[in-house]
Amino acid sequence: MDKVVIITGPTAVGKTKCSLLIAERLKTEIINGDAYQIYKGMDIGTAKPSKDELSKIKHHLIDYLDPLENFSVADYQRIVRDKISEFKSKNIIPLIVGGSGLYLESVICNYTFDGKTRDHSFEEKYKNLSNEELHLLLKDLDNVSYNEIHPNNRKRVLRALEIALNNEQKGTKKKEMLYDALVIVLNDDREVLYNRINKRVDQMLEEGLLEEVKSFYPNKLGLTAKAAIGYKELFDYFDGNSTKEEAIDKIKQYSRNYAKRQLTWFRNKEYVTEVLIDVNNFNNTVDEVYSLIDKFLKE
């Protein structure tokens, strides 16, 4: 099987910083593994690598789509598998970096997507529920999908509910590995990580998050893009449904919740190798990650 390296982990843990240094050592390029960094213009809110960082290492699937276009896991799977073949033809190791666990697993495992067409009338039954209330309904019915799907992605939550309530068979997800994959999950102390997330949201606001989101308001984001944390919350503020302070608090809360779901997703995955970051000397973390990759590539 072809070898693939993935660097993942919760939001704000340091994936970008680590991956840039690793890609430089490996003399390779990076394939984006974040569901929202594919969209053009959604830079600050998705913590996209800076222009300077992008100039140092070639990235694939960054600024790939217009934000009005929808994008599915199946789309991602198809494109990234083609990219892996492209990397192989160039004799460089595929390095996928990002925190969207389902997207990543759909690539390296034998996922197929053959679910039935959605019943649109099903949405009417739950139109009065908030995204959070709808998401909580899913928890007892399908805990796996509950952890996979963000509450803001109402379309996917509704589809998962419909499947669970009707006892339909979801698209087959055979956990047979299609690639020889080293999946490194960066992690940190929970409270330290949460504090870093809060500070990063403040930094995003200082960098112009409000102005960035306003440039897409009211109708320049498609359903998929609008589910990104930070965008829907600020859209609600622009609509007059919340104060700016309430919107910011929600962004921080949902970002922390997302980090928790990311860690839950990777927990007990048999193919995962966890690396605790060294906050005081991040180079130690990079050295540890590189050592794991070097050993993997020599096996």
C-alpha atoms as a PDB file:
ATOM      1  CA  MET A   1       0.000   0.000   0.000  1.00  0.00           C
ATOM      2  CA  ASP A   2       1.087   3.571  -0.667  1.00  0.00           C
ATOM      3  CA  LYS A   3       2.334   5.464   2.373  1.00  0.00           C
ATOM      4  CA  VAL A   4       0.499   8.581   3.574  1.00  0.00           C
ATOM      5  CA  VAL A   5       1.282  10.866   6.515  1.00  0.00           C
ATOM      6  CA  ILE A   6      -1.448  12.809   8.315  1.00  0.00           C
ATOM      7  CA  ILE A   7      -0.928  15.475  10.973  1.00  0.00           C
ATOM      8  CA  THR A   8      -4.169  16.265  12.776  1.00  0.00           C
ATOM      9  CA  GLY A   9      -5.562  17.193  16.162  1.00  0.00           C
ATOM     10  CA  PRO A  10      -7.922  19.712  17.766  1.00  0.00           C
ATOM     11  CA  THR A  11      -8.243  23.306  16.677  1.00  0.00           C
ATOM     12  CA  ALA A  12      -5.472  25.671  17.872  1.00  0.00           C
ATOM     13  CA  VAL A  13      -3.103  22.854  18.891  1.00  0.00           C
ATOM     14  CA  GLY A  14      -0.356  23.873  16.452  1.00  0.00           C
ATOM     15  CA  LYS A  15      -0.951  21.750  13.344  1.00  0.00           C
ATOM     16  CA  THR A  16       0.017  24.456  10.855  1.00  0.00           C
ATOM     17  CA  LYS A  17       3.236  25.416  12.623  1.00  0.00           C
ATOM     18  CA  CYS A  18       4.308  21.797  12.959  1.00  0.00           C
ATOM     19  CA  SER A  19       3.357  20.751   9.436  1.00  0.00           C
ATOM     20  CA  LEU A  20       5.248  23.577   7.743  1.00  0.00           C
ATOM     21  CA  LEU A  21       8.467  22.544   9.461  1.00  0.00           C
ATOM     22  CA  ILE A  22       7.826  18.855   8.744  1.00  0.00           C
ATOM     23  CA  ALA A  23       7.040  19.494   5.073  1.00  0.00           C
ATOM     24  CA  GLU A  24      10.290  21.440   4.757  1.00  0.00           C
ATOM     25  CA  ARG A  25      12.280  18.530   6.196  1.00  0.00           C
ATOM     26  CA  LEU A  26      10.492  15.976   4.034  1.00  0.00           C
ATOM     27  CA  LYS A  27      10.815  18.176   0.923  1.00  0.00           C
ATOM     28  CA  THR A  28       7.138  17.639   0.187  1.00  0.00           C
ATOM     29  CA  GLU A  29       3.879  19.546  -0.195  1.00  0.00           C
ATOM     30  CA  ILE A  30       0.765  19.762   1.994  1.00  0.00           C
ATOM     31  CA  ILE A  31      -2.783  18.623   1.232  1.00  0.00           C
ATOM     32  CA  ASN A  32      -5.367  20.542   3.225  1.00  0.00           C
ATOM     33  CA  GLY A  33      -7.403  18.404   5.637  1.00  0.00           C
ATOM     34  CA  ASP A  34      -9.719  21.139   6.911  1.00  0.00           C
ATOM     35  CA  ALA A  35     -13.309  21.212   5.657  1.00  0.00           C
ATOM     36  CA  TYR A  36     -13.494  25.013   5.448  1.00  0.00           C
ATOM     37  CA  GLN A  37     -10.036  26.161   4.395  1.00  0.00           C
ATOM     38  CA  ILE A  38     -10.975  25.005   0.898  1.00  0.00           C
ATOM     39  CA  TYR A  39     -13.056  28.173   0.520  1.00  0.00           C
ATOM     40  CA  LYS A  40     -11.688  31.379  -0.972  1.00  0.00           C
ATOM     41  CA  GLY A  41     -11.711  34.415   1.290  1.00  0.00           C
ATOM     42  CA  MET A  42     -12.488  32.522   4.488  1.00  0.00           C
ATOM     43  CA  ASP A  43      -9.020  33.178   5.827  1.00  0.00           C
ATOM     44  CA  ILE A  44      -9.134  34.516   9.372  1.00  0.00           C
ATOM     45  CA  GLY A  45     -12.121  32.519  10.609  1.00  0.00           C
ATOM     46  CA  THR A  46     -10.703  29.190   9.425  1.00  0.00           C
ATOM     47  CA  ALA A  47      -7.160  29.956  10.685  1.00  0.00           C
ATOM     48  CA  LYS A  48      -5.869  29.444   7.163  1.00  0.00           C
ATOM     49  CA  PRO A  49      -2.073  29.526   6.761  1.00  0.00           C
ATOM     50  CA  SER A  50      -0.843  33.046   6.054  1.00  0.00           C
ATOM     51  CA  LYS A  51       0.282  34.175   2.597  1.00  0.00           C
ATOM     52  CA  ASP A  52       3.861  34.013   3.835  1.00  0.00           C
ATOM     53  CA  GLU A  53       3.397  30.433   5.069  1.00  0.00           C
ATOM     54  CA  LEU A  54       1.680  29.428   1.827  1.00  0.00           C
ATOM     55  CA  SER A  55       4.592  30.873  -0.148  1.00  0.00           C
ATOM     56  CA  LYS A  56       7.093  28.654   1.676  1.00  0.00           C
ATOM     57  CA  ILE A  57       5.349  25.312   1.134  1.00  0.00           C
ATOM     58  CA  LYS A  58       2.979  24.462  -1.714  1.00  0.00           C
ATOM     59  CA  HIS A  59      -0.519  23.687  -0.416  1.00  0.00           C
ATOM     60  CA  HIS A  60      -3.301  21.804  -2.188  1.00  0.00           C
ATOM     61  CA  LEU A  61      -7.057  22.379  -1.622  1.00  0.00           C
ATOM     62  CA  ILE A  62      -6.530  25.787  -0.025  1.00  0.00           C
ATOM     63  CA  ASP A  63      -8.646  28.545  -1.636  1.00  0.00           C
ATOM     64  CA  TYR A  64     -10.051  25.808  -3.856  1.00  0.00           C
ATOM     65  CA  LEU A  65     -13.748  26.733  -4.061  1.00  0.00           C
ATOM     66  CA  ASP A  66     -16.057  29.729  -4.120  1.00  0.00           C
ATOM     67  CA  PRO A  67     -17.861  29.936  -0.736  1.00  0.00           C
ATOM     68  CA  LEU A  68     -21.244  29.634  -2.456  1.00  0.00           C
ATOM     69  CA  GLU A  69     -20.371  26.129  -3.651  1.00  0.00           C
ATOM     70  CA  ASN A  70     -21.236  23.145  -1.484  1.00  0.00           C
ATOM     71  CA  PHE A  71     -18.654  20.455  -0.832  1.00  0.00           C
ATOM     72  CA  SER A  72     -19.152  16.946   0.541  1.00  0.00           C
ATOM     73  CA  VAL A  73     -17.013  14.313   2.220  1.00  0.00           C
ATOM     74  CA  ALA A  74     -17.349  12.242  -0.959  1.00  0.00           C
ATOM     75  CA  ASP A  75     -15.987  15.158  -3.011  1.00  0.00           C
ATOM     76  CA  TYR A  76     -13.050  15.495  -0.653  1.00  0.00           C
ATOM     77  CA  GLN A  77     -12.334  11.774  -0.735  1.00  0.00           C
ATOM     78  CA  ARG A  78     -12.241  11.658  -4.519  1.00  0.00           C
ATOM     79  CA  ILE A  79     -10.037  14.725  -4.951  1.00  0.00           C
ATOM     80  CA  VAL A  80      -7.536  13.818  -2.233  1.00  0.00           C
ATOM     81  CA  ARG A  81      -7.114  10.265  -3.487  1.00  0.00           C
ATOM     82  CA  ASP A  82      -6.285  11.751  -6.889  1.00  0.00           C
ATOM     83  CA  LYS A  83      -3.798  14.051  -5.157  1.00  0.00           C
ATOM     84  CA  ILE A  84      -2.152  11.101  -3.434  1.00  0.00           C
ATOM     85  CA  SER A  85      -1.651   9.463  -6.829  1.00  0.00           C
ATOM     86  CA  GLU A  86      -0.221  12.745  -8.121  1.00  0.00           C
ATOM     87  CA  PHE A  87       2.240  12.887  -5.216  1.00  0.00           C
ATOM     88  CA  LYS A  88       3.281   9.311  -5.915  1.00  0.00           C
ATOM     89  CA  SER A  89       4.015  10.181  -9.540  1.00  0.00           C
ATOM     90  CA  LYS A  90       6.256  13.034  -8.296  1.00  0.00           C
ATOM     91  CA  ASN A  91       7.943  10.649  -5.833  1.00  0.00           C
ATOM     92  CA  ILE A  92       7.079  12.755  -2.777  1.00  0.00           C
ATOM     93  CA  ILE A  93       5.270  11.663   0.371  1.00  0.00           C
ATOM     94  CA  PRO A  94       1.644  12.842   0.683  1.00  0.00           C
ATOM     95  CA  LEU A  95       1.314  15.006   3.816  1.00  0.00           C
ATOM     96  CA  ILE A  96      -2.297  15.761   4.774  1.00  0.00           C
ATOM     97  CA  VAL A  97      -2.840  18.371   7.480  1.00  0.00           C
ATOM     98  CA  GLY A  98      -6.085  19.374   9.157  1.00  0.00           C
ATOM     99  CA  GLY A  99      -8.615  18.601  11.845  1.00  0.00           C
ATOM    100  CA  SER A 100     -11.639  17.284   9.960  1.00  0.00           C
ATOM    101  CA  GLY A 101     -11.586  13.680  11.170  1.00  0.00           C
ATOM    102  CA  LEU A 102     -14.337  12.280   8.983  1.00  0.00           C
ATOM    103  CA  TYR A 103     -12.784  13.817   5.874  1.00  0.00           C
ATOM    104  CA  LEU A 104      -9.402  12.336   6.725  1.00  0.00           C
ATOM    105  CA  GLU A 105     -10.738   8.879   7.525  1.00  0.00           C
ATOM    106  CA  SER A 106     -12.836   8.830   4.350  1.00  0.00           C
ATOM    107  CA  VAL A 107      -9.604   9.046   2.374  1.00  0.00           C
ATOM    108  CA  ILE A 108      -7.510   6.391   4.082  1.00  0.00           C
ATOM    109  CA  CYS A 109     -10.321   3.903   4.789  1.00  0.00           C
ATOM    110  CA  ASN A 110     -12.645   2.115   2.410  1.00  0.00           C
ATOM    111  CA  TYR A 111     -15.608   4.463   2.785  1.00  0.00           C
ATOM    112  CA  THR A 112     -18.392   4.396   0.217  1.00  0.00           C
ATOM    113  CA  PHE A 113     -21.240   6.873   0.016  1.00  0.00           C
ATOM    114  CA  ASP A 114     -24.465   5.361  -1.216  1.00  0.00           C
ATOM    115  CA  GLY A 115     -27.172   6.638   1.116  1.00  0.00           C
ATOM    116  CA  LYS A 116     -30.722   7.294  -0.116  1.00  0.00           C
ATOM    117  CA  THR A 117     -31.848  10.694  -1.308  1.00  0.00           C
ATOM    118  CA  ARG A 118     -32.942  12.968   1.539  1.00  0.00           C
ATOM    119  CA  ASP A 119     -36.665  13.491   2.202  1.00  0.00           C
ATOM    120  CA  HIS A 120     -36.970  17.287   2.187  1.00  0.00           C
ATOM    121  CA  SER A 121     -40.333  17.189   3.982  1.00  0.00           C
ATOM    122  CA  PHE A 122     -38.489  15.765   6.995  1.00  0.00           C
ATOM    123  CA  GLU A 123     -36.998  19.206   7.628  1.00  0.00           C
ATOM    124  CA  GLU A 124     -40.449  20.721   8.243  1.00  0.00           C
ATOM    125  CA  LYS A 125     -40.969  18.516  11.296  1.00  0.00           C
ATOM    126  CA  TYR A 126     -38.013  20.108  13.075  1.00  0.00           C
ATOM    127  CA  LYS A 127     -38.036  23.652  11.707  1.00  0.00           C
ATOM    128  CA  ASN A 128     -38.807  25.184  15.118  1.00  0.00           C
ATOM    129  CA  LEU A 129     -35.797  23.589  16.823  1.00  0.00           C
ATOM    130  CA  SER A 130     -32.519  25.466  17.099  1.00  0.00           C
ATOM    131  CA  ASN A 131     -29.348  23.904  15.688  1.00  0.00           C
ATOM    132  CA  GLU A 132     -28.214  22.993  19.210  1.00  0.00           C
ATOM    133  CA  GLU A 133     -31.558  21.369  20.116  1.00  0.00           C
ATOM    134  CA  LEU A 134     -31.572  19.424  16.852  1.00  0.00           C
ATOM    135  CA  HIS A 135     -28.010  18.267  17.426  1.00  0.00           C
ATOM    136  CA  LEU A 136     -28.856  17.013  20.930  1.00  0.00           C
ATOM    137  CA  LEU A 137     -31.664  14.851  19.490  1.00  0.00           C
ATOM    138  CA  LEU A 138     -29.004  13.042  17.470  1.00  0.00           C
ATOM    139  CA  LYS A 139     -26.885  12.184  20.522  1.00  0.00           C
ATOM    140  CA  ASP A 140     -28.974   9.256  21.786  1.00  0.00           C
ATOM    141  CA  LEU A 141     -29.878   7.986  18.322  1.00  0.00           C
ATOM    142  CA  ASP A 142     -26.472   8.032  16.666  1.00  0.00           C
ATOM    143  CA  ASN A 143     -23.614   9.069  18.928  1.00  0.00           C
ATOM    144  CA  VAL A 144     -21.002   8.552  16.204  1.00  0.00           C
ATOM    145  CA  SER A 145     -22.691  11.043  13.881  1.00  0.00           C
ATOM    146  CA  TYR A 146     -23.290  13.343  16.853  1.00  0.00           C
ATOM    147  CA  ASN A 147     -19.535  13.564  17.372  1.00  0.00           C
ATOM    148  CA  GLU A 148     -18.777  13.819  13.658  1.00  0.00           C
ATOM    149  CA  ILE A 149     -21.180  16.599  12.719  1.00  0.00           C
ATOM    150  CA  HIS A 150     -21.037  20.193  13.917  1.00  0.00           C
ATOM    151  CA  PRO A 151     -24.397  21.506  15.242  1.00  0.00           C
ATOM    152  CA  ASN A 152     -24.245  24.417  12.779  1.00  0.00           C
ATOM    153  CA  ASN A 153     -24.297  21.969   9.868  1.00  0.00           C
ATOM    154  CA  ARG A 154     -28.068  21.642  10.068  1.00  0.00           C
ATOM    155  CA  LYS A 155     -28.375  19.853   6.731  1.00  0.00           C
ATOM    156  CA  ARG A 156     -26.122  16.974   7.811  1.00  0.00           C
ATOM    157  CA  VAL A 157     -27.671  16.783  11.285  1.00  0.00           C
ATOM    158  CA  LEU A 158     -31.146  16.455   9.745  1.00  0.00           C
ATOM    159  CA  ARG A 159     -29.951  13.757   7.355  1.00  0.00           C
ATOM    160  CA  ALA A 160     -28.349  11.776  10.183  1.00  0.00           C
ATOM    161  CA  LEU A 161     -31.556  12.074  12.232  1.00  0.00           C
ATOM    162  CA  GLU A 162     -33.654  10.903   9.310  1.00  0.00           C
ATOM    163  CA  ILE A 163     -31.465   7.858   8.775  1.00  0.00           C
ATOM    164  CA  ALA A 164     -31.388   6.979  12.481  1.00  0.00           C
ATOM    165  CA  LEU A 165     -35.147   7.370  12.993  1.00  0.00           C
ATOM    166  CA  ASN A 166     -35.983   5.288   9.946  1.00  0.00           C
ATOM    167  CA  ASN A 167     -33.399   2.639  10.843  1.00  0.00           C
ATOM    168  CA  GLU A 168     -31.863   3.029   7.393  1.00  0.00           C
ATOM    169  CA  GLN A 169     -28.449   1.644   6.635  1.00  0.00           C
ATOM    170  CA  LYS A 170     -25.956   4.479   6.385  1.00  0.00           C
ATOM    171  CA  GLY A 171     -23.470   4.593   3.527  1.00  0.00           C
ATOM    172  CA  THR A 172     -21.148   1.653   4.072  1.00  0.00           C
ATOM    173  CA  LYS A 173     -18.074   2.522   6.121  1.00  0.00           C
ATOM    174  CA  LYS A 174     -15.724  -0.409   6.072  1.00  0.00           C
ATOM    175  CA  LYS A 175     -12.718   0.370   8.196  1.00  0.00           C
ATOM    176  CA  GLU A 176     -10.345  -1.409   5.859  1.00  0.00           C
ATOM    177  CA  MET A 177      -7.255   0.727   5.317  1.00  0.00           C
ATOM    178  CA  LEU A 178      -6.581   1.595   1.695  1.00  0.00           C
ATOM    179  CA  TYR A 179      -3.249   3.265   2.478  1.00  0.00           C
ATOM    180  CA  ASP A 180      -0.368   2.579   4.809  1.00  0.00           C
ATOM    181  CA  ALA A 181      -1.136   5.680   6.862  1.00  0.00           C
ATOM    182  CA  LEU A 182       0.688   7.237   9.790  1.00  0.00           C
ATOM    183  CA  VAL A 183      -1.882   9.441  11.539  1.00  0.00           C
ATOM    184  CA  ILE A 184      -0.299  11.717  14.142  1.00  0.00           C
ATOM    185  CA  VAL A 185      -2.705  13.480  16.494  1.00  0.00           C
ATOM    186  CA  LEU A 186      -1.217  16.489  18.254  1.00  0.00           C
ATOM    187  CA  ASN A 187      -2.728  17.062  21.690  1.00  0.00           C
ATOM    188  CA  ASP A 188      -2.323  19.225  24.769  1.00  0.00           C
ATOM    189  CA  ASP A 189      -3.710  19.600  28.276  1.00  0.00           C
ATOM    190  CA  ARG A 190      -7.459  20.284  27.925  1.00  0.00           C
ATOM    191  CA  GLU A 191      -7.598  23.497  29.953  1.00  0.00           C
ATOM    192  CA  VAL A 192      -4.459  24.882  28.347  1.00  0.00           C
ATOM    193  CA  LEU A 193      -5.917  24.133  24.920  1.00  0.00           C
ATOM    194  CA  TYR A 194      -9.221  25.804  25.790  1.00  0.00           C
ATOM    195  CA  ASN A 195      -7.421  28.928  26.985  1.00  0.00           C
ATOM    196  CA  ARG A 196      -5.453  28.997  23.751  1.00  0.00           C
ATOM    197  CA  ILE A 197      -8.667  28.693  21.749  1.00  0.00           C
ATOM    198  CA  ASN A 198     -10.202  31.653  23.598  1.00  0.00           C
ATOM    199  CA  LYS A 199      -7.104  33.756  22.965  1.00  0.00           C
ATOM    200  CA  ARG A 200      -7.053  32.768  19.309  1.00  0.00           C
ATOM    201  CA  VAL A 201     -10.631  33.960  18.838  1.00  0.00           C
ATOM    202  CA  ASP A 202      -9.619  37.307  20.374  1.00  0.00           C
ATOM    203  CA  GLN A 203      -6.655  37.432  18.002  1.00  0.00           C
ATOM    204  CA  MET A 204      -8.907  36.656  15.024  1.00  0.00           C
ATOM    205  CA  LEU A 205     -11.104  39.599  15.968  1.00  0.00           C
ATOM    206  CA  GLU A 206      -8.050  41.850  16.187  1.00  0.00           C
ATOM    207  CA  GLU A 207      -6.976  40.650  12.738  1.00  0.00           C
ATOM    208  CA  GLY A 208     -10.340  41.581  11.214  1.00  0.00           C
ATOM    209  CA  LEU A 209     -12.675  38.592  11.599  1.00  0.00           C
ATOM    210  CA  LEU A 210     -15.707  40.850  11.915  1.00  0.00           C
ATOM    211  CA  GLU A 211     -14.901  42.608   8.648  1.00  0.00           C
ATOM    212  CA  GLU A 212     -14.130  39.306   6.893  1.00  0.00           C
ATOM    213  CA  VAL A 213     -17.471  37.767   7.851  1.00  0.00           C
ATOM    214  CA  LYS A 214     -19.333  40.980   7.010  1.00  0.00           C
ATOM    215  CA  SER A 215     -17.925  40.787   3.475  1.00  0.00           C
ATOM    216  CA  PHE A 216     -19.924  37.563   3.021  1.00  0.00           C
ATOM    217  CA  TYR A 217     -23.122  38.892   4.619  1.00  0.00           C
ATOM    218  CA  PRO A 218     -25.983  38.309   3.961  1.00  0.00           C
ATOM    219  CA  ASN A 219     -25.956  35.797   1.110  1.00  0.00           C
ATOM    220  CA  LYS A 220     -22.406  35.137  -0.094  1.00  0.00           C
ATOM    221  CA  LEU A 221     -21.882  31.818   1.737  1.00  0.00           C
ATOM    222  CA  GLY A 222     -23.357  28.484   0.691  1.00  0.00           C
ATOM    223  CA  LEU A 223     -24.821  25.992   3.182  1.00  0.00           C
ATOM    224  CA  THR A 224     -21.542  24.154   3.693  1.00  0.00           C
ATOM    225  CA  ALA A 225     -19.366  27.235   4.140  1.00  0.00           C
ATOM    226  CA  LYS A 226     -21.858  28.936   6.446  1.00  0.00           C
ATOM    227  CA  ALA A 227     -21.541  26.045   8.920  1.00  0.00           C
ATOM    228  CA  ALA A 228     -17.977  27.118   9.754  1.00  0.00           C
ATOM    229  CA  ILE A 229     -17.640  28.317  13.342  1.00  0.00           C
ATOM    230  CA  GLY A 230     -17.497  32.100  13.535  1.00  0.00           C
ATOM    231  CA  TYR A 231     -19.491  32.824  10.412  1.00  0.00           C
ATOM    232  CA  LYS A 232     -22.999  31.762  11.408  1.00  0.00           C
ATOM    233  CA  GLU A 233     -22.602  33.309  14.865  1.00  0.00           C
ATOM    234  CA  LEU A 234     -21.616  36.666  13.395  1.00  0.00           C
ATOM    235  CA  PHE A 235     -24.363  36.397  10.769  1.00  0.00           C
ATOM    236  CA  ASP A 236     -26.807  36.112  13.691  1.00  0.00           C
ATOM    237  CA  TYR A 237     -25.270  39.265  15.172  1.00  0.00           C
ATOM    238  CA  PHE A 238     -25.617  41.118  11.868  1.00  0.00           C
ATOM    239  CA  ASP A 239     -29.247  39.932  11.710  1.00  0.00           C
ATOM    240  CA  GLY A 240     -29.859  41.513  15.118  1.00  0.00           C
ATOM    241  CA  ASN A 241     -30.486  38.180  16.837  1.00  0.00           C
ATOM    242  CA  SER A 242     -27.636  38.608  19.324  1.00  0.00           C
ATOM    243  CA  THR A 243     -25.208  41.198  20.622  1.00  0.00           C
ATOM    244  CA  LYS A 244     -21.613  41.220  19.423  1.00  0.00           C
ATOM    245  CA  GLU A 245     -20.477  40.032  22.857  1.00  0.00           C
ATOM    246  CA  GLU A 246     -22.934  37.105  22.753  1.00  0.00           C
ATOM    247  CA  ALA A 247     -21.729  36.154  19.285  1.00  0.00           C
ATOM    248  CA  ILE A 248     -18.087  36.206  20.389  1.00  0.00           C
ATOM    249  CA  ASP A 249     -18.881  34.089  23.457  1.00  0.00           C
ATOM    250  CA  LYS A 250     -20.635  31.561  21.210  1.00  0.00           C
ATOM    251  CA  ILE A 251     -17.658  31.421  18.837  1.00  0.00           C
ATOM    252  CA  LYS A 252     -15.370  30.620  21.759  1.00  0.00           C
ATOM    253  CA  GLN A 253     -17.780  28.081  23.228  1.00  0.00           C
ATOM    254  CA  TYR A 254     -18.418  26.317  19.915  1.00  0.00           C
ATOM    255  CA  SER A 255     -14.687  26.274  19.156  1.00  0.00           C
ATOM    256  CA  ARG A 256     -13.996  24.593  22.508  1.00  0.00           C
ATOM    257  CA  ASN A 257     -16.846  22.153  21.883  1.00  0.00           C
ATOM    258  CA  TYR A 258     -15.434  21.406  18.453  1.00  0.00           C
ATOM    259  CA  ALA A 259     -11.997  20.678  19.910  1.00  0.00           C
ATOM    260  CA  LYS A 260     -13.624  18.234  22.324  1.00  0.00           C
ATOM    261  CA  ARG A 261     -15.472  16.513  19.466  1.00  0.00           C
ATOM    262  CA  GLN A 262     -12.263  16.292  17.448  1.00  0.00           C
ATOM    263  CA  LEU A 263     -10.476  14.537  20.318  1.00  0.00           C
ATOM    264  CA  THR A 264     -13.476  12.231  20.853  1.00  0.00           C
ATOM    265  CA  TRP A 265     -13.393  11.304  17.176  1.00  0.00           C
ATOM    266  CA  PHE A 266      -9.741  10.220  17.269  1.00  0.00           C
ATOM    267  CA  ARG A 267      -9.935   8.505  20.654  1.00  0.00           C
ATOM    268  CA  ASN A 268      -9.521   4.721  20.381  1.00  0.00           C
ATOM    269  CA  LYS A 269      -8.863   4.828  16.640  1.00  0.00           C
ATOM    270  CA  GLU A 270      -6.490   1.944  16.083  1.00  0.00           C
ATOM    271  CA  TYR A 271      -4.484   3.800  13.457  1.00  0.00           C
ATOM    272  CA  VAL A 272      -3.709   6.908  15.555  1.00  0.00           C
ATOM    273  CA  THR A 273      -0.417   7.912  17.195  1.00  0.00           C
ATOM    274  CA  GLU A 274      -0.782  10.704  19.760  1.00  0.00           C
ATOM    275  CA  VAL A 275       1.923  13.294  20.390  1.00  0.00           C
ATOM    276  CA  LEU A 276       1.625  15.675  23.339  1.00  0.00           C
ATOM    277  CA  ILE A 277       3.021  19.031  22.313  1.00  0.00           C
ATOM    278  CA  ASP A 278       5.854  20.679  24.205  1.00  0.00           C
ATOM    279  CA  VAL A 279       4.533  24.214  24.751  1.00  0.00           C
ATOM    280  CA  ASN A 280       7.831  25.460  26.164  1.00  0.00           C
ATOM    281  CA  ASN A 281       9.886  24.174  23.258  1.00  0.00           C
ATOM    282  CA  PHE A 282       7.786  23.413  20.188  1.00  0.00           C
ATOM    283  CA  ASN A 283      10.877  22.289  18.288  1.00  0.00           C
ATOM    284  CA  ASN A 284      10.910  19.219  20.550  1.00  0.00           C
ATOM    285  CA  THR A 285       7.426  18.423  19.255  1.00  0.00           C
ATOM    286  CA  VAL A 286       8.540  18.847  15.650  1.00  0.00           C
ATOM    287  CA  ASP A 287      11.553  16.586  16.274  1.00  0.00           C
ATOM    288  CA  GLU A 288       9.333  13.899  17.805  1.00  0.00           C
ATOM    289  CA  VAL A 289       6.878  14.051  14.913  1.00  0.00           C
ATOM    290  CA  TYR A 290       9.682  13.909  12.352  1.00  0.00           C
ATOM    291  CA  SER A 291      11.265  10.962  14.131  1.00  0.00           C
ATOM    292  CA  LEU A 292       7.966   9.038  13.945  1.00  0.00           C
ATOM    293  CA  ILE A 293       7.606   9.843  10.265  1.00  0.00           C
ATOM    294  CA  ASP A 294      11.211   8.953   9.443  1.00  0.00           C
ATOM    295  CA  LYS A 295      10.840   5.565  11.148  1.00  0.00           C
ATOM    296  CA  PHE A 296       7.506   4.989   9.353  1.00  0.00           C
ATOM    297  CA  LEU A 297       8.974   5.763   5.940  1.00  0.00           C
ATOM    298  CA  LYS A 298      11.909   3.393   6.500  1.00  0.00           C
ATOM    299  CA  GLU A 299       9.706   0.434   7.484  1.00  0.00           C
END
